């Protein structure tokens, strides 16, 4: 009985051990992607705010 249990435990460990490296790669890729997306969103917000300030400054400085 003990030998059978150890055999099954080794099969399960081997099966899920093969998937462990993929999980780490996936988490790192998602972290990189999320960081890139957040930085892009932040830069877009800064650019939009800068455009709004420049547009307002043009209206104030040279009214037509």
Protein backbone atom coordinates (compact mmCIF):
# COMPACT_ATOMS: atom_id res chain seq x y z
CA UNK A 1 0.00 0.00 0.00
CA UNK A 2 2.78 2.41 0.93
CA UNK A 3 4.63 1.79 -2.34
CA UNK A 4 1.44 2.42 -4.34
CA UNK A 5 0.78 5.68 -2.48
CA UNK A 6 4.34 6.91 -3.04
CA UNK A 7 4.05 6.05 -6.72
CA UNK A 8 0.87 8.12 -7.12
CA UNK A 9 2.31 10.98 -5.08
CA UNK A 10 5.35 11.06 -7.37
CA UNK A 11 3.10 11.13 -10.45
CA UNK A 12 1.09 14.05 -9.06
CA UNK A 13 4.24 15.93 -8.03
CA UNK A 14 5.75 15.44 -11.47
CA UNK A 15 2.53 16.49 -13.22
CA UNK A 16 2.11 19.74 -11.28
CA UNK A 17 5.86 20.37 -11.03
CA UNK A 18 5.95 20.77 -14.80
CA UNK A 19 3.42 23.61 -14.57
CA UNK A 20 5.23 25.55 -11.81
CA UNK A 21 7.74 27.35 -14.09
CA UNK A 22 4.94 28.48 -16.39
CA UNK A 23 3.08 30.06 -13.49
CA UNK A 24 6.12 32.13 -12.52
CA UNK A 25 6.66 33.28 -16.11
CA UNK A 26 3.00 34.20 -16.44
CA UNK A 27 3.03 36.29 -13.27
CA UNK A 28 6.14 38.15 -14.34
CA UNK A 29 4.69 38.81 -17.77
CA UNK A 30 1.44 40.10 -16.29
CA UNK A 31 3.34 42.33 -13.87
CA UNK A 32 5.38 43.79 -16.73
CA UNK A 33 2.30 44.30 -18.86
CA UNK A 34 0.37 45.94 -16.03
CA UNK A 35 3.30 48.25 -15.26
CA UNK A 36 3.55 49.26 -18.91
CA UNK A 37 -0.18 49.90 -19.11
CA UNK A 38 -0.20 51.99 -15.93
CA UNK A 39 2.78 54.04 -17.08
CA UNK A 40 1.13 54.62 -20.47
CA UNK A 41 -2.12 55.65 -18.82
CA UNK A 42 -0.26 58.03 -16.49
CA UNK A 43 1.69 59.59 -19.36
CA UNK A 44 -1.53 60.00 -21.34
CA UNK A 45 -3.15 61.79 -18.40
CA UNK A 46 -0.14 64.11 -18.02
CA UNK A 47 -0.18 64.89 -21.74
CA UNK A 48 -3.92 65.57 -21.72
CA UNK A 49 -3.56 67.88 -18.73
CA UNK A 50 -0.66 69.68 -20.42
CA UNK A 51 -2.69 70.12 -23.59
CA UNK A 52 -5.59 71.54 -21.58
CA UNK A 53 -3.33 74.00 -19.75
CA UNK A 54 -1.70 75.10 -23.03
CA UNK A 55 -5.09 75.59 -24.67
CA UNK A 56 -6.34 77.62 -21.70
CA UNK A 57 -3.15 79.71 -21.72
CA UNK A 58 -3.60 80.49 -25.43
CA UNK A 59 -7.15 81.69 -24.76
CA UNK A 60 -6.08 83.88 -21.85
CA UNK A 61 -2.96 85.36 -23.47
CA UNK A 62 -4.36 86.12 -26.93
CA UNK A 63 -8.13 86.54 -26.86
CA UNK A 64 -9.62 86.89 -30.34
